[in-house]
Amino acid sequence: MNHALLVVGIEPADVRLSLQVAGGATLLAAVAGLPLAWWLARARFKGKAALEAVVMAPMVLPPTVVGFYLLRLLGQGSSFGRFLDEAIGVRLVFTWQGAAIAAAVLSLPLLVRTAEAAFAEVDPEYERVAASLGKPPWLVFLTVTLPLAARGVAAGLALAFARAMGEFGATVMVAGNIPGKTRTLPMSVYDAVQAGDLARAHASAALLAAVSLASVAAVSWLVGTVRR
């Protein structure tokens, strides 16, 4: 596999890091976004529209702006960044984990919006019946709500993964562009164009396009299945 990638001009490390960042970002977005999406689908309260606007904000903010504020939050210049470093020995700036956090923030709105619509289609009566049998709320969510909304949730996860795979602006602000350490495929495309290596740029761009198209196809199939 590595040899095949090298033949077409793609660095295997760039592919590995892209998958690590996108996978980590999707996991983070799922952990934070699925409970939030369920709550937004069920809750009725004053200010809900404002909260949804905040959740959706990363979709319209320039990625470099999101990345800048994440850099300020996670870097050594902030109290939170110093706490992470001094209390638990974690540094997120200039690491692939920091890139995953940045990509997760940009991916979260897509997952929340799609999953919220899926959860809204689930009849709350099923949840009430399960709760009446003594199941705690978290178990009701995992065993009743999530399976019933599974295809819509899967579509949201596919969109989040594709968004994270293609993220450039926020991740390069937080993690930098370090070959073998934080450079992902979008950064590789940029580097190749800057170096005049259009063959390598084309190979990396084509791989990213294939992943994006596959994700869109998966979402279309999942959404189409739900509607039928």
C-alpha atoms as a PDB file:
ATOM      1  CA  MET A   1       0.000   0.000   0.000  1.00  0.00           C
ATOM      2  CA  ASN A   2       2.770   2.429   0.956  1.00  0.00           C
ATOM      3  CA  HIS A   3       4.654   1.573  -2.244  1.00  0.00           C
ATOM      4  CA  ALA A   4       1.553   2.220  -4.357  1.00  0.00           C
ATOM      5  CA  LEU A   5       1.067   5.623  -2.725  1.00  0.00           C
ATOM      6  CA  LEU A   6       4.700   6.547  -3.285  1.00  0.00           C
ATOM      7  CA  VAL A   7       4.459   5.529  -6.947  1.00  0.00           C
ATOM      8  CA  VAL A   8       1.675   8.063  -7.558  1.00  0.00           C
ATOM      9  CA  GLY A   9       3.476  10.721  -5.517  1.00  0.00           C
ATOM     10  CA  ILE A  10       1.534  10.596  -2.242  1.00  0.00           C
ATOM     11  CA  GLU A  11       3.398  10.440   1.058  1.00  0.00           C
ATOM     12  CA  PRO A  12       2.002   7.544   3.167  1.00  0.00           C
ATOM     13  CA  ALA A  13       2.552   9.617   6.325  1.00  0.00           C
ATOM     14  CA  ASP A  14       0.226  12.305   4.955  1.00  0.00           C
ATOM     15  CA  VAL A  15      -2.505   9.725   4.377  1.00  0.00           C
ATOM     16  CA  ARG A  16      -1.994   8.199   7.826  1.00  0.00           C
ATOM     17  CA  LEU A  17      -2.142  11.576   9.539  1.00  0.00           C
ATOM     18  CA  SER A  18      -5.212  12.589   7.534  1.00  0.00           C
ATOM     19  CA  LEU A  19      -7.018   9.438   8.654  1.00  0.00           C
ATOM     20  CA  GLN A  20      -5.876   9.947  12.254  1.00  0.00           C
ATOM     21  CA  VAL A  21      -7.031  13.554  12.314  1.00  0.00           C
ATOM     22  CA  ALA A  22     -10.342  12.854  10.544  1.00  0.00           C
ATOM     23  CA  GLY A  23     -11.047   9.779  12.664  1.00  0.00           C
ATOM     24  CA  GLY A  24     -10.198  11.579  15.894  1.00  0.00           C
ATOM     25  CA  ALA A  25     -12.240  14.609  14.872  1.00  0.00           C
ATOM     26  CA  THR A  26     -15.258  12.472  14.004  1.00  0.00           C
ATOM     27  CA  LEU A  27     -15.032  10.681  17.351  1.00  0.00           C
ATOM     28  CA  LEU A  28     -14.797  13.968  19.259  1.00  0.00           C
ATOM     29  CA  ALA A  29     -17.669  15.440  17.260  1.00  0.00           C
ATOM     30  CA  ALA A  30     -19.781  12.344  17.959  1.00  0.00           C
ATOM     31  CA  VAL A  31     -19.126  12.386  21.706  1.00  0.00           C
ATOM     32  CA  ALA A  32     -20.031  16.062  21.975  1.00  0.00           C
ATOM     33  CA  GLY A  33     -22.506  16.357  19.135  1.00  0.00           C
ATOM     34  CA  LEU A  34     -24.853  13.386  19.428  1.00  0.00           C
ATOM     35  CA  PRO A  35     -26.125  14.155  22.956  1.00  0.00           C
ATOM     36  CA  LEU A  36     -26.400  17.825  21.974  1.00  0.00           C
ATOM     37  CA  ALA A  37     -28.319  16.943  18.804  1.00  0.00           C
ATOM     38  CA  TRP A  38     -30.743  14.747  20.770  1.00  0.00           C
ATOM     39  CA  TRP A  39     -31.291  17.486  23.341  1.00  0.00           C
ATOM     40  CA  LEU A  40     -31.928  20.095  20.651  1.00  0.00           C
ATOM     41  CA  ALA A  41     -34.391  17.733  18.953  1.00  0.00           C
ATOM     42  CA  ARG A  42     -36.348  17.199  22.187  1.00  0.00           C
ATOM     43  CA  ALA A  43     -35.998  20.435  24.164  1.00  0.00           C
ATOM     44  CA  ARG A  44     -38.252  23.456  23.890  1.00  0.00           C
ATOM     45  CA  PHE A  45     -36.890  26.535  25.631  1.00  0.00           C
ATOM     46  CA  LYS A  46     -36.410  30.248  25.181  1.00  0.00           C
ATOM     47  CA  GLY A  47     -33.142  30.983  23.456  1.00  0.00           C
ATOM     48  CA  LYS A  48     -32.971  27.677  21.580  1.00  0.00           C
ATOM     49  CA  ALA A  49     -32.573  29.477  18.259  1.00  0.00           C
ATOM     50  CA  ALA A  50     -29.645  31.462  19.657  1.00  0.00           C
ATOM     51  CA  LEU A  51     -27.960  28.288  20.917  1.00  0.00           C
ATOM     52  CA  GLU A  52     -28.417  26.593  17.548  1.00  0.00           C
ATOM     53  CA  ALA A  53     -26.876  29.651  15.890  1.00  0.00           C
ATOM     54  CA  VAL A  54     -23.816  29.333  18.144  1.00  0.00           C
ATOM     55  CA  VAL A  55     -23.505  25.622  17.321  1.00  0.00           C
ATOM     56  CA  MET A  56     -23.740  26.380  13.602  1.00  0.00           C
ATOM     57  CA  ALA A  57     -21.291  29.309  13.751  1.00  0.00           C
ATOM     58  CA  PRO A  58     -18.201  27.286  12.687  1.00  0.00           C
ATOM     59  CA  MET A  59     -19.949  26.610   9.362  1.00  0.00           C
ATOM     60  CA  VAL A  60     -19.903  30.303   8.442  1.00  0.00           C
ATOM     61  CA  LEU A  61     -16.818  31.576  10.258  1.00  0.00           C
ATOM     62  CA  PRO A  62     -13.571  31.513   8.252  1.00  0.00           C
ATOM     63  CA  PRO A  63     -11.589  28.414   9.307  1.00  0.00           C
ATOM     64  CA  THR A  64      -8.540  30.573  10.023  1.00  0.00           C
ATOM     65  CA  VAL A  65     -10.599  32.589  12.516  1.00  0.00           C
ATOM     66  CA  VAL A  66     -11.708  29.409  14.287  1.00  0.00           C
ATOM     67  CA  GLY A  67      -8.130  28.156  14.236  1.00  0.00           C
ATOM     68  CA  PHE A  68      -6.793  31.429  15.636  1.00  0.00           C
ATOM     69  CA  TYR A  69      -9.091  31.358  18.656  1.00  0.00           C
ATOM     70  CA  LEU A  70      -8.417  27.680  19.250  1.00  0.00           C
ATOM     71  CA  LEU A  71      -4.705  28.482  19.148  1.00  0.00           C
ATOM     72  CA  ARG A  72      -5.254  31.186  21.750  1.00  0.00           C
ATOM     73  CA  LEU A  73      -7.255  28.765  23.900  1.00  0.00           C
ATOM     74  CA  LEU A  74      -4.955  25.754  23.659  1.00  0.00           C
ATOM     75  CA  GLY A  75      -1.590  27.522  23.508  1.00  0.00           C
ATOM     76  CA  GLN A  76       0.785  28.220  26.373  1.00  0.00           C
ATOM     77  CA  GLY A  77      -0.327  31.843  26.453  1.00  0.00           C
ATOM     78  CA  SER A  78      -3.734  30.943  27.905  1.00  0.00           C
ATOM     79  CA  SER A  79      -4.624  29.771  31.402  1.00  0.00           C
ATOM     80  CA  PHE A  80      -6.272  26.670  29.962  1.00  0.00           C
ATOM     81  CA  GLY A  81      -3.244  25.813  27.843  1.00  0.00           C
ATOM     82  CA  ARG A  82      -0.910  26.239  30.817  1.00  0.00           C
ATOM     83  CA  PHE A  83      -3.206  24.094  32.961  1.00  0.00           C
ATOM     84  CA  LEU A  84      -3.121  21.278  30.412  1.00  0.00           C
ATOM     85  CA  ASP A  85       0.666  21.449  30.277  1.00  0.00           C
ATOM     86  CA  GLU A  86       1.407  21.834  33.984  1.00  0.00           C
ATOM     87  CA  ALA A  87      -1.355  19.692  35.487  1.00  0.00           C
ATOM     88  CA  ILE A  88      -1.489  16.736  33.105  1.00  0.00           C
ATOM     89  CA  GLY A  89       1.473  17.264  30.796  1.00  0.00           C
ATOM     90  CA  VAL A  90      -0.566  17.677  27.613  1.00  0.00           C
ATOM     91  CA  ARG A  91       0.427  20.029  24.813  1.00  0.00           C
ATOM     92  CA  LEU A  92      -1.980  20.216  21.896  1.00  0.00           C
ATOM     93  CA  VAL A  93      -0.447  22.934  19.735  1.00  0.00           C
ATOM     94  CA  PHE A  94       1.680  21.556  16.882  1.00  0.00           C
ATOM     95  CA  THR A  95       0.345  18.010  17.363  1.00  0.00           C
ATOM     96  CA  TRP A  96      -2.042  15.873  15.319  1.00  0.00           C
ATOM     97  CA  GLN A  97      -4.326  15.749  18.365  1.00  0.00           C
ATOM     98  CA  GLY A  98      -4.625  19.530  18.220  1.00  0.00           C
ATOM     99  CA  ALA A  99      -5.422  19.249  14.515  1.00  0.00           C
ATOM    100  CA  ALA A 100      -8.152  16.732  15.366  1.00  0.00           C
ATOM    101  CA  ILE A 101      -9.705  19.149  17.864  1.00  0.00           C
ATOM    102  CA  ALA A 102      -9.694  21.937  15.284  1.00  0.00           C
ATOM    103  CA  ALA A 103     -11.242  19.667  12.658  1.00  0.00           C
ATOM    104  CA  ALA A 104     -13.842  18.475  15.178  1.00  0.00           C
ATOM    105  CA  VAL A 105     -14.991  22.032  15.835  1.00  0.00           C
ATOM    106  CA  LEU A 106     -15.447  22.602  12.094  1.00  0.00           C
ATOM    107  CA  SER A 107     -17.201  19.240  11.643  1.00  0.00           C
ATOM    108  CA  LEU A 108     -19.540  19.524  14.623  1.00  0.00           C
ATOM    109  CA  PRO A 109     -22.256  21.655  12.953  1.00  0.00           C
ATOM    110  CA  LEU A 110     -22.735  19.166  10.102  1.00  0.00           C
ATOM    111  CA  LEU A 111     -23.098  16.271  12.525  1.00  0.00           C
ATOM    112  CA  VAL A 112     -25.406  18.118  14.911  1.00  0.00           C
ATOM    113  CA  ARG A 113     -27.707  19.391  12.173  1.00  0.00           C
ATOM    114  CA  THR A 114     -28.033  15.986  10.494  1.00  0.00           C
ATOM    115  CA  ALA A 115     -28.377  14.011  13.737  1.00  0.00           C
ATOM    116  CA  GLU A 116     -30.884  16.489  15.164  1.00  0.00           C
ATOM    117  CA  ALA A 117     -33.151  15.930  12.171  1.00  0.00           C
ATOM    118  CA  ALA A 118     -32.780  12.151  12.588  1.00  0.00           C
ATOM    119  CA  PHE A 119     -33.609  12.253  16.307  1.00  0.00           C
ATOM    120  CA  ALA A 120     -36.626  14.480  15.629  1.00  0.00           C
ATOM    121  CA  GLU A 121     -38.060  11.676  13.476  1.00  0.00           C
ATOM    122  CA  VAL A 122     -37.978   9.222  16.405  1.00  0.00           C
ATOM    123  CA  ASP A 123     -41.293   9.061  18.278  1.00  0.00           C
ATOM    124  CA  PRO A 124     -40.610  10.143  21.902  1.00  0.00           C
ATOM    125  CA  GLU A 125     -43.171   7.569  23.037  1.00  0.00           C
ATOM    126  CA  TYR A 126     -40.602   4.818  22.481  1.00  0.00           C
ATOM    127  CA  GLU A 127     -38.260   6.592  24.886  1.00  0.00           C
ATOM    128  CA  ARG A 128     -41.008   7.044  27.471  1.00  0.00           C
ATOM    129  CA  VAL A 129     -41.910   3.365  27.337  1.00  0.00           C
ATOM    130  CA  ALA A 130     -38.275   2.337  27.771  1.00  0.00           C
ATOM    131  CA  ALA A 131     -37.877   4.767  30.679  1.00  0.00           C
ATOM    132  CA  SER A 132     -41.025   3.372  32.330  1.00  0.00           C
ATOM    133  CA  LEU A 133     -39.323  -0.033  32.372  1.00  0.00           C
ATOM    134  CA  GLY A 134     -36.611   1.383  34.604  1.00  0.00           C
ATOM    135  CA  LYS A 135     -33.910   2.110  32.043  1.00  0.00           C
ATOM    136  CA  PRO A 136     -31.727   5.148  32.861  1.00  0.00           C
ATOM    137  CA  PRO A 137     -31.716   7.981  30.295  1.00  0.00           C
ATOM    138  CA  TRP A 138     -28.281   7.110  28.903  1.00  0.00           C
ATOM    139  CA  LEU A 139     -29.349   3.501  28.316  1.00  0.00           C
ATOM    140  CA  VAL A 140     -32.584   4.614  26.656  1.00  0.00           C
ATOM    141  CA  PHE A 141     -30.507   6.784  24.329  1.00  0.00           C
ATOM    142  CA  LEU A 142     -28.082   3.984  23.454  1.00  0.00           C
ATOM    143  CA  THR A 143     -30.571   1.131  23.095  1.00  0.00           C
ATOM    144  CA  VAL A 144     -33.690   2.860  21.773  1.00  0.00           C
ATOM    145  CA  THR A 145     -33.118   6.332  20.334  1.00  0.00           C
ATOM    146  CA  LEU A 146     -29.767   5.804  18.650  1.00  0.00           C
ATOM    147  CA  PRO A 147     -30.704   2.574  16.820  1.00  0.00           C
ATOM    148  CA  LEU A 148     -33.930   4.146  15.518  1.00  0.00           C
ATOM    149  CA  ALA A 149     -32.004   7.162  14.219  1.00  0.00           C
ATOM    150  CA  ALA A 150     -28.984   5.126  13.131  1.00  0.00           C
ATOM    151  CA  ARG A 151     -29.041   5.872   9.399  1.00  0.00           C
ATOM    152  CA  GLY A 152     -29.430   9.609   9.872  1.00  0.00           C
ATOM    153  CA  VAL A 153     -26.700   9.605  12.499  1.00  0.00           C
ATOM    154  CA  ALA A 154     -24.438   7.597  10.188  1.00  0.00           C
ATOM    155  CA  ALA A 155     -25.031  10.175   7.461  1.00  0.00           C
ATOM    156  CA  GLY A 156     -23.972  12.910   9.869  1.00  0.00           C
ATOM    157  CA  LEU A 157     -20.840  10.989  10.817  1.00  0.00           C
ATOM    158  CA  ALA A 158     -19.952  10.534   7.140  1.00  0.00           C
ATOM    159  CA  LEU A 159     -20.328  14.266   6.525  1.00  0.00           C
ATOM    160  CA  ALA A 160     -18.243  15.072   9.600  1.00  0.00           C
ATOM    161  CA  PHE A 161     -15.490  12.687   8.489  1.00  0.00           C
ATOM    162  CA  ALA A 162     -15.386  14.170   4.991  1.00  0.00           C
ATOM    163  CA  ARG A 163     -15.287  17.705   6.398  1.00  0.00           C
ATOM    164  CA  ALA A 164     -12.447  16.775   8.740  1.00  0.00           C
ATOM    165  CA  MET A 165     -10.476  15.083   5.947  1.00  0.00           C
ATOM    166  CA  GLY A 166     -10.570  18.268   3.902  1.00  0.00           C
ATOM    167  CA  GLU A 167      -9.916  20.764   6.693  1.00  0.00           C
ATOM    168  CA  PHE A 168      -6.943  23.061   6.146  1.00  0.00           C
ATOM    169  CA  GLY A 169      -7.282  26.555   7.613  1.00  0.00           C
ATOM    170  CA  ALA A 170      -8.055  25.763  11.250  1.00  0.00           C
ATOM    171  CA  THR A 171      -5.760  22.751  11.464  1.00  0.00           C
ATOM    172  CA  VAL A 172      -2.736  24.547  10.037  1.00  0.00           C
ATOM    173  CA  MET A 173      -3.282  27.382  12.531  1.00  0.00           C
ATOM    174  CA  VAL A 174      -3.364  25.015  15.514  1.00  0.00           C
ATOM    175  CA  ALA A 175      -1.028  22.211  14.459  1.00  0.00           C
ATOM    176  CA  GLY A 176       1.229  23.786  11.865  1.00  0.00           C
ATOM    177  CA  ASN A 177       2.419  22.055   8.719  1.00  0.00           C
ATOM    178  CA  ILE A 178       5.091  19.628   9.900  1.00  0.00           C
ATOM    179  CA  PRO A 179       5.871  16.728   7.508  1.00  0.00           C
ATOM    180  CA  GLY A 180       5.428  13.373   9.203  1.00  0.00           C
ATOM    181  CA  LYS A 181       3.917  14.948  12.307  1.00  0.00           C
ATOM    182  CA  THR A 182       0.987  17.213  11.465  1.00  0.00           C
ATOM    183  CA  ARG A 183       0.922  17.537   7.659  1.00  0.00           C
ATOM    184  CA  THR A 184      -2.314  16.162   6.244  1.00  0.00           C
ATOM    185  CA  LEU A 185      -3.350  15.700   2.612  1.00  0.00           C
ATOM    186  CA  PRO A 186      -4.808  19.217   2.191  1.00  0.00           C
ATOM    187  CA  MET A 187      -1.526  20.652   3.473  1.00  0.00           C
ATOM    188  CA  SER A 188       0.355  18.321   1.138  1.00  0.00           C
ATOM    189  CA  VAL A 189      -1.603  19.698  -1.822  1.00  0.00           C
ATOM    190  CA  TYR A 190      -0.694  23.239  -0.785  1.00  0.00           C
ATOM    191  CA  ASP A 191       2.978  22.373  -0.303  1.00  0.00           C
ATOM    192  CA  ALA A 192       3.143  20.615  -3.672  1.00  0.00           C
ATOM    193  CA  VAL A 193       1.595  23.574  -5.506  1.00  0.00           C
ATOM    194  CA  GLN A 194       3.980  25.978  -3.784  1.00  0.00           C
ATOM    195  CA  ALA A 195       6.903  23.776  -4.832  1.00  0.00           C
ATOM    196  CA  GLY A 196       5.634  23.510  -8.407  1.00  0.00           C
ATOM    197  CA  ASP A 197       5.148  19.742  -8.060  1.00  0.00           C
ATOM    198  CA  LEU A 198       1.776  19.586  -9.781  1.00  0.00           C
ATOM    199  CA  ALA A 199       1.876  15.800 -10.192  1.00  0.00           C
ATOM    200  CA  ARG A 200       2.028  15.293  -6.417  1.00  0.00           C
ATOM    201  CA  ALA A 201      -0.609  17.974  -5.897  1.00  0.00           C
ATOM    202  CA  HIS A 202      -2.907  16.257  -8.391  1.00  0.00           C
ATOM    203  CA  ALA A 203      -2.451  12.838  -6.765  1.00  0.00           C
ATOM    204  CA  SER A 204      -3.223  14.132  -3.264  1.00  0.00           C
ATOM    205  CA  ALA A 205      -6.140  16.243  -4.499  1.00  0.00           C
ATOM    206  CA  ALA A 206      -7.604  13.292  -6.411  1.00  0.00           C
ATOM    207  CA  LEU A 207      -7.462  11.108  -3.298  1.00  0.00           C
ATOM    208  CA  LEU A 208      -9.204  13.786  -1.242  1.00  0.00           C
ATOM    209  CA  ALA A 209     -11.851  14.200  -3.939  1.00  0.00           C
ATOM    210  CA  ALA A 210     -12.451  10.444  -3.979  1.00  0.00           C
ATOM    211  CA  VAL A 211     -12.965  10.377  -0.211  1.00  0.00           C
ATOM    212  CA  SER A 212     -15.362  13.326  -0.392  1.00  0.00           C
ATOM    213  CA  LEU A 213     -17.385  11.807  -3.234  1.00  0.00           C
ATOM    214  CA  ALA A 214     -17.558   8.465  -1.429  1.00  0.00           C
ATOM    215  CA  SER A 215     -18.840  10.238   1.688  1.00  0.00           C
ATOM    216  CA  VAL A 216     -21.477  12.125  -0.297  1.00  0.00           C
ATOM    217  CA  ALA A 217     -22.570   8.878  -1.971  1.00  0.00           C
ATOM    218  CA  ALA A 218     -22.857   7.201   1.431  1.00  0.00           C
ATOM    219  CA  VAL A 219     -24.922  10.091   2.792  1.00  0.00           C
ATOM    220  CA  SER A 220     -27.229  10.049  -0.255  1.00  0.00           C
ATOM    221  CA  TRP A 221     -27.775   6.310   0.120  1.00  0.00           C
ATOM    222  CA  LEU A 222     -28.420   6.546   3.859  1.00  0.00           C
ATOM    223  CA  VAL A 223     -30.816   9.484   3.551  1.00  0.00           C
ATOM    224  CA  GLY A 224     -32.593   7.842   0.614  1.00  0.00           C
ATOM    225  CA  THR A 225     -33.030   4.646   2.605  1.00  0.00           C
ATOM    226  CA  VAL A 226     -34.509   6.574   5.531  1.00  0.00           C
ATOM    227  CA  ARG A 227     -37.018   8.346   3.284  1.00  0.00           C
ATOM    228  CA  ARG A 228     -38.148   5.089   1.719  1.00  0.00           C
END
